[in-house]
Amino acid sequence: MKKLEDERSQLYRQNQSLMDAVDDLKARTRRLDQLEEENQKLHLEVQLLRREKETFENRLQEQVELAVLRERSTQQNKQ
């Protein structure tokens, strides 16, 4: 009888240990899912910022080119 109780106690401890491991795995899985979602959001934000930067650089280049053309035109009109 004592041996069966000891085995039962050991099985209970093993079961509890496994349940703790499962709970830990679930928590880690949830955290992983959250991190993956956050990573996707950040990736999209980076893409948007790159496009905005490219658009800004293109506009700036156009403004520089217009300013150069205006300056040339002004200089030609003075001559």
C-alpha atoms as a PDB file:
ATOM      1  CA  MET A   1       0.000   0.000   0.000  1.00  0.00           C
ATOM      2  CA  LYS A   2       2.840   2.391   0.919  1.00  0.00           C
ATOM      3  CA  LYS A   3       4.546   1.657  -2.375  1.00  0.00           C
ATOM      4  CA  LEU A   4       1.375   2.512  -4.317  1.00  0.00           C
ATOM      5  CA  GLU A   5       0.993   5.775  -2.409  1.00  0.00           C
ATOM      6  CA  ASP A   6       4.622   6.655  -3.142  1.00  0.00           C
ATOM      7  CA  GLU A   7       4.112   5.886  -6.828  1.00  0.00           C
ATOM      8  CA  ARG A   8       0.924   7.936  -6.821  1.00  0.00           C
ATOM      9  CA  SER A   9       2.743  10.860  -5.203  1.00  0.00           C
ATOM     10  CA  GLN A  10       5.566  10.559  -7.707  1.00  0.00           C
ATOM     11  CA  LEU A  11       3.097  10.471 -10.616  1.00  0.00           C
ATOM     12  CA  TYR A  12       1.274  13.476  -9.180  1.00  0.00           C
ATOM     13  CA  ARG A  13       4.572  15.422  -8.992  1.00  0.00           C
ATOM     14  CA  GLN A  14       5.495  14.393 -12.533  1.00  0.00           C
ATOM     15  CA  ASN A  15       2.052  15.381 -13.744  1.00  0.00           C
ATOM     16  CA  GLN A  16       2.323  18.741 -11.991  1.00  0.00           C
ATOM     17  CA  SER A  17       5.762  19.260 -13.508  1.00  0.00           C
ATOM     18  CA  LEU A  18       4.383  18.489 -16.973  1.00  0.00           C
ATOM     19  CA  MET A  19       1.435  20.825 -16.435  1.00  0.00           C
ATOM     20  CA  ASP A  20       3.845  23.582 -15.398  1.00  0.00           C
ATOM     21  CA  ALA A  21       5.898  22.941 -18.532  1.00  0.00           C
ATOM     22  CA  VAL A  22       2.745  23.079 -20.686  1.00  0.00           C
ATOM     23  CA  ASP A  23       1.681  26.352 -19.047  1.00  0.00           C
ATOM     24  CA  ASP A  24       5.149  27.774 -19.644  1.00  0.00           C
ATOM     25  CA  LEU A  25       5.045  26.670 -23.274  1.00  0.00           C
ATOM     26  CA  LYS A  26       1.620  28.269 -23.737  1.00  0.00           C
ATOM     27  CA  ALA A  27       2.864  31.527 -22.243  1.00  0.00           C
ATOM     28  CA  ARG A  28       5.947  31.490 -24.478  1.00  0.00           C
ATOM     29  CA  THR A  29       3.796  30.723 -27.520  1.00  0.00           C
ATOM     30  CA  ARG A  30       1.508  33.660 -26.738  1.00  0.00           C
ATOM     31  CA  ARG A  31       4.526  35.928 -26.314  1.00  0.00           C
ATOM     32  CA  LEU A  32       5.980  34.673 -29.595  1.00  0.00           C
ATOM     33  CA  ASP A  33       2.700  35.408 -31.362  1.00  0.00           C
ATOM     34  CA  GLN A  34       2.658  38.912 -29.878  1.00  0.00           C
ATOM     35  CA  LEU A  35       6.240  39.534 -30.950  1.00  0.00           C
ATOM     36  CA  GLU A  36       5.567  38.276 -34.475  1.00  0.00           C
ATOM     37  CA  GLU A  37       2.552  40.577 -34.765  1.00  0.00           C
ATOM     38  CA  GLU A  38       4.581  43.518 -33.475  1.00  0.00           C
ATOM     39  CA  ASN A  39       7.370  42.651 -35.902  1.00  0.00           C
ATOM     40  CA  GLN A  40       4.916  42.654 -38.826  1.00  0.00           C
ATOM     41  CA  LYS A  41       3.576  46.059 -37.769  1.00  0.00           C
ATOM     42  CA  LEU A  42       7.088  47.458 -37.485  1.00  0.00           C
ATOM     43  CA  HIS A  43       8.018  46.003 -40.870  1.00  0.00           C
ATOM     44  CA  LEU A  44       5.027  47.731 -42.466  1.00  0.00           C
ATOM     45  CA  GLU A  45       5.913  50.970 -40.707  1.00  0.00           C
ATOM     46  CA  VAL A  46       9.481  50.759 -42.017  1.00  0.00           C
ATOM     47  CA  GLN A  47       8.157  50.208 -45.551  1.00  0.00           C
ATOM     48  CA  LEU A  48       5.895  53.250 -45.242  1.00  0.00           C
ATOM     49  CA  LEU A  49       8.717  55.387 -43.886  1.00  0.00           C
ATOM     50  CA  ARG A  50      10.998  54.301 -46.738  1.00  0.00           C
ATOM     51  CA  ARG A  51       8.345  55.276 -49.264  1.00  0.00           C
ATOM     52  CA  GLU A  52       7.826  58.629 -47.546  1.00  0.00           C
ATOM     53  CA  LYS A  53      11.587  59.204 -47.555  1.00  0.00           C
ATOM     54  CA  GLU A  54      11.807  58.334 -51.242  1.00  0.00           C
ATOM     55  CA  THR A  55       8.893  60.669 -52.049  1.00  0.00           C
ATOM     56  CA  PHE A  56      10.504  63.451 -50.008  1.00  0.00           C
ATOM     57  CA  GLU A  57      13.869  62.962 -51.733  1.00  0.00           C
ATOM     58  CA  ASN A  58      12.190  63.035 -55.152  1.00  0.00           C
ATOM     59  CA  ARG A  59      10.358  66.261 -54.314  1.00  0.00           C
ATOM     60  CA  LEU A  60      13.536  67.796 -52.967  1.00  0.00           C
ATOM     61  CA  GLN A  61      15.410  66.855 -56.129  1.00  0.00           C
ATOM     62  CA  GLU A  62      12.658  68.406 -58.254  1.00  0.00           C
ATOM     63  CA  GLN A  63      12.803  71.609 -56.215  1.00  0.00           C
ATOM     64  CA  VAL A  64      16.579  71.778 -56.615  1.00  0.00           C
ATOM     65  CA  GLU A  65      16.269  71.268 -60.364  1.00  0.00           C
ATOM     66  CA  LEU A  66      13.604  73.979 -60.588  1.00  0.00           C
ATOM     67  CA  ALA A  67      15.741  76.352 -58.568  1.00  0.00           C
ATOM     68  CA  VAL A  68      18.710  75.721 -60.868  1.00  0.00           C
ATOM     69  CA  LEU A  69      16.548  76.330 -63.961  1.00  0.00           C
ATOM     70  CA  ARG A  70      15.176  79.554 -62.464  1.00  0.00           C
ATOM     71  CA  GLU A  71      18.677  80.725 -61.640  1.00  0.00           C
ATOM     72  CA  ARG A  72      19.869  79.988 -65.181  1.00  0.00           C
ATOM     73  CA  SER A  73      16.842  81.731 -66.616  1.00  0.00           C
ATOM     74  CA  THR A  74      17.436  84.771 -64.416  1.00  0.00           C
ATOM     75  CA  GLN A  75      21.099  84.909 -65.438  1.00  0.00           C
ATOM     76  CA  GLN A  76      20.221  84.620 -69.133  1.00  0.00           C
ATOM     77  CA  ASN A  77      17.669  87.415 -68.858  1.00  0.00           C
ATOM     78  CA  LYS A  78      20.300  89.679 -67.255  1.00  0.00           C
ATOM     79  CA  GLN A  79      22.671  89.151 -70.192  1.00  0.00           C
END
